[in-house]
Each structure stands twice: as structure tokens, then as C-alpha cells.
């Protein structure tokens, strides 16, 4: 059963019991994405530049490892 089918079933049950319908799946997705973006912008401002450099270097090592192991980003790879 996927999320849409589950939502329809929950809506039906709520209607039968006289309760309010549950929120649709993914209703808060946009809000969550905006909150994550806002948090990252805030962290970019309050983080020391040296720490940002270290984090960027760590991410680049991590992405490089993923590319070597999983073929991510290659012509014949998975992504």
C-alpha cells in the first residue's frame, strides 16, 4: 500500500468516525525544505570560515569516496 492509498483509507475511516481528515502526504514537505535551507544559511553565517573549509574538504573526500565505490557521477555508473 502506498502513501496515497493509506491516506485515502485514513480519510475514509475519519469520515466514518466523524473525525477530522488527516493531512495529505507531503503537505509539509515544502515547509521542511525551506526550514532546512534557512538553517543552512544561518549556519553559513555563524560558522567560522576555517570550520567551513574543513567541512567542505570533508564533504569532497566523502563524495570522492562515493564516486570510487559506487560509480556515482560516472558515465556508466548508477547516478
PDB file of N, CA and C in Angstrom:
ATOM      1  N   UNK A   1       0.853  -1.170   0.000  1.00  0.00           N
ATOM      2  CA  UNK A   1       0.000   0.000   0.000  1.00  0.00           C
ATOM      3  C   UNK A   1       0.898   1.233   0.000  1.00  0.00           C
ATOM      4  N   UNK A   2       0.653   2.129  -0.938  1.00  0.00           N
ATOM      5  CA  UNK A   2       1.477   3.330  -0.996  1.00  0.00           C
ATOM      6  C   UNK A   2       0.873   4.431  -0.121  1.00  0.00           C
ATOM      7  N   UNK A   3       1.537   5.573  -0.056  1.00  0.00           N
ATOM      8  CA  UNK A   3       1.119   6.657   0.834  1.00  0.00           C
ATOM      9  C   UNK A   3      -0.245   7.221   0.445  1.00  0.00           C
ATOM     10  N   UNK A   4      -0.525   7.302  -0.845  1.00  0.00           N
ATOM     11  CA  UNK A   4      -1.809   7.840  -1.288  1.00  0.00           C
ATOM     12  C   UNK A   4      -2.954   6.915  -0.885  1.00  0.00           C
ATOM     13  N   UNK A   5      -2.771   5.629  -1.072  1.00  0.00           N
ATOM     14  CA  UNK A   5      -3.805   4.670  -0.684  1.00  0.00           C
ATOM     15  C   UNK A   5      -4.032   4.687   0.827  1.00  0.00           C
ATOM     16  N   UNK A   6      -2.946   4.777   1.587  1.00  0.00           N
ATOM     17  CA  UNK A   6      -3.074   4.840   3.042  1.00  0.00           C
ATOM     18  C   UNK A   6      -3.817   6.100   3.453  1.00  0.00           C
ATOM     19  N   UNK A   7      -3.517   7.220   2.796  1.00  0.00           N
ATOM     20  CA  UNK A   7      -4.198   8.477   3.105  1.00  0.00           C
ATOM     21  C   UNK A   7      -5.696   8.365   2.819  1.00  0.00           C
ATOM     22  N   UNK A   8      -6.048   7.773   1.681  1.00  0.00           N
ATOM     23  CA  UNK A   8      -7.461   7.611   1.345  1.00  0.00           C
ATOM     24  C   UNK A   8      -8.172   6.722   2.369  1.00  0.00           C
ATOM     25  N   UNK A   9      -7.518   5.662   2.800  1.00  0.00           N
ATOM     26  CA  UNK A   9      -8.097   4.782   3.810  1.00  0.00           C
ATOM     27  C   UNK A   9      -8.281   5.526   5.135  1.00  0.00           C
ATOM     28  N   UNK A  10      -7.268   6.283   5.552  1.00  0.00           N
ATOM     29  CA  UNK A  10      -7.364   7.054   6.792  1.00  0.00           C
ATOM     30  C   UNK A  10      -8.458   8.116   6.704  1.00  0.00           C
ATOM     31  N   UNK A  11      -8.600   8.741   5.535  1.00  0.00           N
ATOM     32  CA  UNK A  11      -9.648   9.742   5.337  1.00  0.00           C
ATOM     33  C   UNK A  11     -11.027   9.098   5.439  1.00  0.00           C
ATOM     34  N   UNK A  12     -11.172   7.938   4.843  1.00  0.00           N
ATOM     35  CA  UNK A  12     -12.447   7.211   4.912  1.00  0.00           C
ATOM     36  C   UNK A  12     -12.781   6.846   6.360  1.00  0.00           C
ATOM     37  N   UNK A  13     -11.810   6.319   7.082  1.00  0.00           N
ATOM     38  CA  UNK A  13     -12.037   5.945   8.481  1.00  0.00           C
ATOM     39  C   UNK A  13     -12.409   7.162   9.321  1.00  0.00           C
ATOM     40  N   UNK A  14     -11.718   8.282   9.088  1.00  0.00           N
ATOM     41  CA  UNK A  14     -12.017   9.504   9.836  1.00  0.00           C
ATOM     42  C   UNK A  14     -13.437   9.975   9.539  1.00  0.00           C
ATOM     43  N   UNK A  15     -13.858   9.889   8.288  1.00  0.00           N
ATOM     44  CA  UNK A  15     -15.218  10.300   7.924  1.00  0.00           C
ATOM     45  C   UNK A  15     -16.251   9.391   8.582  1.00  0.00           C
ATOM     46  N   UNK A  16     -15.973   8.096   8.652  1.00  0.00           N
ATOM     47  CA  UNK A  16     -16.902   7.156   9.272  1.00  0.00           C
ATOM     48  C   UNK A  16     -17.038   7.399  10.774  1.00  0.00           C
ATOM     49  N   UNK A  17     -15.949   7.851  11.400  1.00  0.00           N
ATOM     50  CA  UNK A  17     -15.951   8.069  12.845  1.00  0.00           C
ATOM     51  C   UNK A  17     -16.258   9.512  13.218  1.00  0.00           C
ATOM     52  N   UNK A  18     -16.479  10.368  12.219  1.00  0.00           N
ATOM     53  CA  UNK A  18     -16.810  11.765  12.489  1.00  0.00           C
ATOM     54  C   UNK A  18     -15.625  12.591  12.956  1.00  0.00           C
ATOM     55  N   UNK A  19     -14.428  12.202  12.577  1.00  0.00           N
ATOM     56  CA  UNK A  19     -13.218  12.924  12.965  1.00  0.00           C
ATOM     57  C   UNK A  19     -12.717  13.767  11.801  1.00  0.00           C
ATOM     58  N   UNK A  20     -11.768  14.638  12.101  1.00  0.00           N
ATOM     59  CA  UNK A  20     -11.162  15.461  11.052  1.00  0.00           C
ATOM     60  C   UNK A  20     -10.270  14.589  10.175  1.00  0.00           C
ATOM     61  N   UNK A  21     -10.209  14.938   8.902  1.00  0.00           N
ATOM     62  CA  UNK A  21      -9.372  14.186   7.958  1.00  0.00           C
ATOM     63  C   UNK A  21      -7.898  14.457   8.243  1.00  0.00           C
ATOM     64  N   UNK A  22      -7.042  13.456   8.063  1.00  0.00           N
ATOM     65  CA  UNK A  22      -5.605  13.662   8.267  1.00  0.00           C
ATOM     66  C   UNK A  22      -5.025  14.527   7.148  1.00  0.00           C
ATOM     67  N   UNK A  23      -3.888  15.161   7.393  1.00  0.00           N
ATOM     68  CA  UNK A  23      -3.268  15.963   6.331  1.00  0.00           C
ATOM     69  C   UNK A  23      -2.788  15.070   5.189  1.00  0.00           C
ATOM     70  N   UNK A  24      -2.780  15.630   4.011  1.00  0.00           N
ATOM     71  CA  UNK A  24      -2.340  14.878   2.835  1.00  0.00           C
ATOM     72  C   UNK A  24      -0.855  14.550   2.948  1.00  0.00           C
ATOM     73  N   UNK A  25      -0.419  13.420   2.384  1.00  0.00           N
ATOM     74  CA  UNK A  25       1.010  13.096   2.427  1.00  0.00           C
ATOM     75  C   UNK A  25       1.808  14.128   1.650  1.00  0.00           C
ATOM     76  N   UNK A  26       2.901  14.561   2.236  1.00  0.00           N
ATOM     77  CA  UNK A  26       3.753  15.548   1.581  1.00  0.00           C
ATOM     78  C   UNK A  26       3.304  16.975   1.789  1.00  0.00           C
ATOM     79  N   UNK A  27       2.295  17.200   2.633  1.00  0.00           N
ATOM     80  CA  UNK A  27       1.780  18.552   2.834  1.00  0.00           C
ATOM     81  C   UNK A  27       2.823  19.460   3.480  1.00  0.00           C
ATOM     82  N   UNK A  28       3.684  18.910   4.300  1.00  0.00           N
ATOM     83  CA  UNK A  28       4.680  19.723   4.996  1.00  0.00           C
ATOM     84  C   UNK A  28       6.041  19.685   4.312  1.00  0.00           C
ATOM     85  N   UNK A  29       6.145  19.046   3.166  1.00  0.00           N
ATOM     86  CA  UNK A  29       7.439  18.876   2.508  1.00  0.00           C
ATOM     87  C   UNK A  29       8.075  20.212   2.153  1.00  0.00           C
ATOM     88  N   UNK A  30       7.298  21.110   1.591  1.00  0.00           N
ATOM     89  CA  UNK A  30       7.835  22.412   1.187  1.00  0.00           C
ATOM     90  C   UNK A  30       8.310  23.178   2.407  1.00  0.00           C
ATOM     91  N   UNK A  31       7.536  23.138   3.483  1.00  0.00           N
ATOM     92  CA  UNK A  31       7.929  23.836   4.702  1.00  0.00           C
ATOM     93  C   UNK A  31       9.230  23.268   5.260  1.00  0.00           C
ATOM     94  N   UNK A  32       9.364  21.955   5.256  1.00  0.00           N
ATOM     95  CA  UNK A  32      10.576  21.317   5.773  1.00  0.00           C
ATOM     96  C   UNK A  32      11.786  21.707   4.933  1.00  0.00           C
ATOM     97  N   UNK A  33      11.639  21.715   3.614  1.00  0.00           N
ATOM     98  CA  UNK A  33      12.750  22.094   2.733  1.00  0.00           C
ATOM     99  C   UNK A  33      13.161  23.534   3.000  1.00  0.00           C
ATOM    100  N   UNK A  34      12.190  24.420   3.165  1.00  0.00           N
ATOM    101  CA  UNK A  34      12.515  25.825   3.453  1.00  0.00           C
ATOM    102  C   UNK A  34      13.216  25.971   4.792  1.00  0.00           C
ATOM    103  N   UNK A  35      12.772  25.206   5.794  1.00  0.00           N
ATOM    104  CA  UNK A  35      13.427  25.270   7.097  1.00  0.00           C
ATOM    105  C   UNK A  35      14.863  24.770   7.016  1.00  0.00           C
ATOM    106  N   UNK A  36      15.106  23.728   6.236  1.00  0.00           N
ATOM    107  CA  UNK A  36      16.470  23.217   6.058  1.00  0.00           C
ATOM    108  C   UNK A  36      17.336  24.258   5.365  1.00  0.00           C
ATOM    109  N   UNK A  37      16.803  24.894   4.324  1.00  0.00           N
ATOM    110  CA  UNK A  37      17.556  25.938   3.627  1.00  0.00           C
ATOM    111  C   UNK A  37      17.874  27.092   4.572  1.00  0.00           C
ATOM    112  N   UNK A  38      16.883  27.489   5.363  1.00  0.00           N
ATOM    113  CA  UNK A  38      17.095  28.585   6.300  1.00  0.00           C
ATOM    114  C   UNK A  38      18.165  28.210   7.326  1.00  0.00           C
ATOM    115  N   UNK A  39      18.134  26.979   7.815  1.00  0.00           N
ATOM    116  CA  UNK A  39      19.130  26.525   8.787  1.00  0.00           C
ATOM    117  C   UNK A  39      20.535  26.525   8.176  1.00  0.00           C
ATOM    118  N   UNK A  40      20.662  26.068   6.928  1.00  0.00           N
ATOM    119  CA  UNK A  40      21.974  26.033   6.276  1.00  0.00           C
ATOM    120  C   UNK A  40      22.510  27.440   6.049  1.00  0.00           C
ATOM    121  N   UNK A  41      21.617  28.374   5.675  1.00  0.00           N
ATOM    122  CA  UNK A  41      22.050  29.769   5.511  1.00  0.00           C
ATOM    123  C   UNK A  41      22.512  30.344   6.843  1.00  0.00           C
ATOM    124  N   UNK A  42      21.786  30.055   7.913  1.00  0.00           N
ATOM    125  CA  UNK A  42      22.157  30.514   9.238  1.00  0.00           C
ATOM    126  C   UNK A  42      23.516  29.943   9.635  1.00  0.00           C
ATOM    127  N   UNK A  43      23.712  28.650   9.409  1.00  0.00           N
ATOM    128  CA  UNK A  43      24.988  28.026   9.740  1.00  0.00           C
ATOM    129  C   UNK A  43      26.132  28.623   8.928  1.00  0.00           C
ATOM    130  N   UNK A  44      25.867  28.991   7.685  1.00  0.00           N
ATOM    131  CA  UNK A  44      26.903  29.600   6.849  1.00  0.00           C
ATOM    132  C   UNK A  44      27.341  30.942   7.417  1.00  0.00           C
ATOM    133  N   UNK A  45      26.430  31.629   8.086  1.00  0.00           N
ATOM    134  CA  UNK A  45      26.766  32.938   8.645  1.00  0.00           C
ATOM    135  C   UNK A  45      27.506  32.797   9.964  1.00  0.00           C
ATOM    136  N   UNK A  46      27.058  31.909  10.835  1.00  0.00           N
ATOM    137  CA  UNK A  46      27.630  31.833  12.178  1.00  0.00           C
ATOM    138  C   UNK A  46      28.842  30.916  12.285  1.00  0.00           C
ATOM    139  N   UNK A  47      29.116  30.113  11.267  1.00  0.00           N
ATOM    140  CA  UNK A  47      30.249  29.191  11.322  1.00  0.00           C
ATOM    141  C   UNK A  47      31.535  29.931  10.976  1.00  0.00           C
ATOM    142  N   UNK A  48      32.577  29.613  11.725  1.00  0.00           N
ATOM    143  CA  UNK A  48      33.893  30.194  11.481  1.00  0.00           C
ATOM    144  C   UNK A  48      34.382  29.777  10.091  1.00  0.00           C
ATOM    145  N   UNK A  49      35.000  30.690   9.331  1.00  0.00           N
ATOM    146  CA  UNK A  49      35.461  30.335   7.984  1.00  0.00           C
ATOM    147  C   UNK A  49      36.391  29.121   7.950  1.00  0.00           C
ATOM    148  N   UNK A  50      37.242  28.957   8.962  1.00  0.00           N
ATOM    149  CA  UNK A  50      38.143  27.799   8.984  1.00  0.00           C
ATOM    150  C   UNK A  50      37.345  26.502   9.117  1.00  0.00           C
ATOM    151  N   UNK A  51      36.291  26.522   9.915  1.00  0.00           N
ATOM    152  CA  UNK A  51      35.453  25.325  10.067  1.00  0.00           C
ATOM    153  C   UNK A  51      34.710  25.012   8.780  1.00  0.00           C
ATOM    154  N   UNK A  52      34.270  26.048   8.065  1.00  0.00           N
ATOM    155  CA  UNK A  52      33.586  25.821   6.789  1.00  0.00           C
ATOM    156  C   UNK A  52      34.535  25.151   5.809  1.00  0.00           C
ATOM    157  N   UNK A  53      35.800  25.577   5.806  1.00  0.00           N
ATOM    158  CA  UNK A  53      36.776  24.990   4.890  1.00  0.00           C
ATOM    159  C   UNK A  53      36.982  23.514   5.217  1.00  0.00           C
ATOM    160  N   UNK A  54      37.086  23.205   6.524  1.00  0.00           N
ATOM    161  CA  UNK A  54      37.275  21.803   6.919  1.00  0.00           C
ATOM    162  C   UNK A  54      36.072  20.953   6.527  1.00  0.00           C
ATOM    163  N   UNK A  55      34.885  21.485   6.724  1.00  0.00           N
ATOM    164  CA  UNK A  55      33.673  20.737   6.365  1.00  0.00           C
ATOM    165  C   UNK A  55      33.610  20.520   4.857  1.00  0.00           C
ATOM    166  N   UNK A  56      33.979  21.533   4.092  1.00  0.00           N
ATOM    167  CA  UNK A  56      33.963  21.405   2.633  1.00  0.00           C
ATOM    168  C   UNK A  56      34.970  20.353   2.187  1.00  0.00           C
ATOM    169  N   UNK A  57      36.143  20.338   2.809  1.00  0.00           N
ATOM    170  CA  UNK A  57      37.158  19.343   2.459  1.00  0.00           C
ATOM    171  C   UNK A  57      36.669  17.938   2.822  1.00  0.00           C
ATOM    172  N   UNK A  58      36.016  17.811   3.968  1.00  0.00           N
ATOM    173  CA  UNK A  58      35.479  16.511   4.366  1.00  0.00           C
ATOM    174  C   UNK A  58      34.401  16.025   3.412  1.00  0.00           C
ATOM    175  N   UNK A  59      33.526  16.939   2.985  1.00  0.00           N
ATOM    176  CA  UNK A  59      32.484  16.557   2.029  1.00  0.00           C
ATOM    177  C   UNK A  59      33.092  16.139   0.709  1.00  0.00           C
ATOM    178  N   UNK A  60      34.135  16.840   0.280  1.00  0.00           N
ATOM    179  CA  UNK A  60      34.734  16.491  -1.010  1.00  0.00           C
ATOM    180  C   UNK A  60      35.397  15.110  -0.935  1.00  0.00           C
ATOM    181  N   UNK A  61      36.011  14.781   0.211  1.00  0.00           N
ATOM    182  CA  UNK A  61      36.576  13.437   0.373  1.00  0.00           C
ATOM    183  C   UNK A  61      35.467  12.394   0.362  1.00  0.00           C
ATOM    184  N   UNK A  62      34.356  12.684   1.039  1.00  0.00           N
ATOM    185  CA  UNK A  62      33.228  11.755   1.106  1.00  0.00           C
ATOM    186  C   UNK A  62      32.640  11.521  -0.280  1.00  0.00           C
ATOM    187  N   UNK A  63      32.435  12.586  -1.040  1.00  0.00           N
ATOM    188  CA  UNK A  63      31.879  12.455  -2.388  1.00  0.00           C
ATOM    189  C   UNK A  63      32.857  11.702  -3.284  1.00  0.00           C
ATOM    190  N   UNK A  64      34.146  11.974  -3.148  1.00  0.00           N
ATOM    191  CA  UNK A  64      35.137  11.246  -3.926  1.00  0.00           C
ATOM    192  C   UNK A  64      35.115   9.763  -3.623  1.00  0.00           C
ATOM    193  N   UNK A  65      34.961   9.426  -2.339  1.00  0.00           N
ATOM    194  CA  UNK A  65      34.883   8.021  -1.956  1.00  0.00           C
ATOM    195  C   UNK A  65      33.631   7.379  -2.548  1.00  0.00           C
ATOM    196  N   UNK A  66      32.489   8.087  -2.475  1.00  0.00           N
ATOM    197  CA  UNK A  66      31.253   7.548  -3.046  1.00  0.00           C
ATOM    198  C   UNK A  66      31.396   7.311  -4.544  1.00  0.00           C
ATOM    199  N   UNK A  67      32.061   8.215  -5.226  1.00  0.00           N
ATOM    200  CA  UNK A  67      32.241   8.050  -6.670  1.00  0.00           C
ATOM    201  C   UNK A  67      33.104   6.835  -6.979  1.00  0.00           C
ATOM    202  N   UNK A  68      34.157   6.637  -6.172  1.00  0.00           N
ATOM    203  CA  UNK A  68      35.030   5.486  -6.411  1.00  0.00           C
ATOM    204  C   UNK A  68      34.303   4.180  -6.111  1.00  0.00           C
ATOM    205  N   UNK A  69      33.553   4.149  -5.029  1.00  0.00           N
ATOM    206  CA  UNK A  69      32.916   2.913  -4.594  1.00  0.00           C
ATOM    207  C   UNK A  69      31.669   2.593  -5.407  1.00  0.00           C
ATOM    208  N   UNK A  70      30.796   3.576  -5.581  1.00  0.00           N
ATOM    209  CA  UNK A  70      29.504   3.294  -6.189  1.00  0.00           C
ATOM    210  C   UNK A  70      29.365   3.706  -7.623  1.00  0.00           C
ATOM    211  N   UNK A  71      30.359   4.333  -8.195  1.00  0.00           N
ATOM    212  CA  UNK A  71      30.253   4.769  -9.573  1.00  0.00           C
ATOM    213  C   UNK A  71      29.335   5.963  -9.749  1.00  0.00           C
ATOM    214  N   UNK A  72      29.088   6.728  -8.690  1.00  0.00           N
ATOM    215  CA  UNK A  72      28.201   7.880  -8.773  1.00  0.00           C
ATOM    216  C   UNK A  72      28.858   8.955  -9.617  1.00  0.00           C
ATOM    217  N   UNK A  73      28.124   9.481 -10.581  1.00  0.00           N
ATOM    218  CA  UNK A  73      28.621  10.570 -11.408  1.00  0.00           C
ATOM    219  C   UNK A  73      29.400  10.138 -12.630  1.00  0.00           C
ATOM    220  N   UNK A  74      29.572   8.840 -12.811  1.00  0.00           N
ATOM    221  CA  UNK A  74      30.303   8.359 -13.981  1.00  0.00           C
ATOM    222  C   UNK A  74      29.341   8.047 -15.113  1.00  0.00           C
ATOM    223  N   UNK A  75      29.866   7.965 -16.315  1.00  0.00           N
ATOM    224  CA  UNK A  75      29.026   7.711 -17.490  1.00  0.00           C
ATOM    225  C   UNK A  75      28.320   6.365 -17.390  1.00  0.00           C
ATOM    226  N   UNK A  76      28.989   5.354 -16.898  1.00  0.00           N
ATOM    227  CA  UNK A  76      28.383   4.031 -16.811  1.00  0.00           C
ATOM    228  C   UNK A  76      27.887   3.690 -15.422  1.00  0.00           C
ATOM    229  N   UNK A  77      27.894   4.676 -14.507  1.00  0.00           N
ATOM    230  CA  UNK A  77      27.532   4.404 -13.127  1.00  0.00           C
ATOM    231  C   UNK A  77      26.046   4.435 -12.877  1.00  0.00           C
ATOM    232  N   UNK A  78      25.721   4.426 -11.586  1.00  0.00           N
ATOM    233  CA  UNK A  78      24.317   4.379 -11.183  1.00  0.00           C
ATOM    234  C   UNK A  78      23.697   5.757 -11.107  1.00  0.00           C
ATOM    235  N   UNK A  79      24.473   6.811 -11.066  1.00  0.00           N
ATOM    236  CA  UNK A  79      23.846   8.122 -10.910  1.00  0.00           C
ATOM    237  C   UNK A  79      24.531   9.097 -11.687  1.00  0.00           C
TER     238      UNK A  79
END
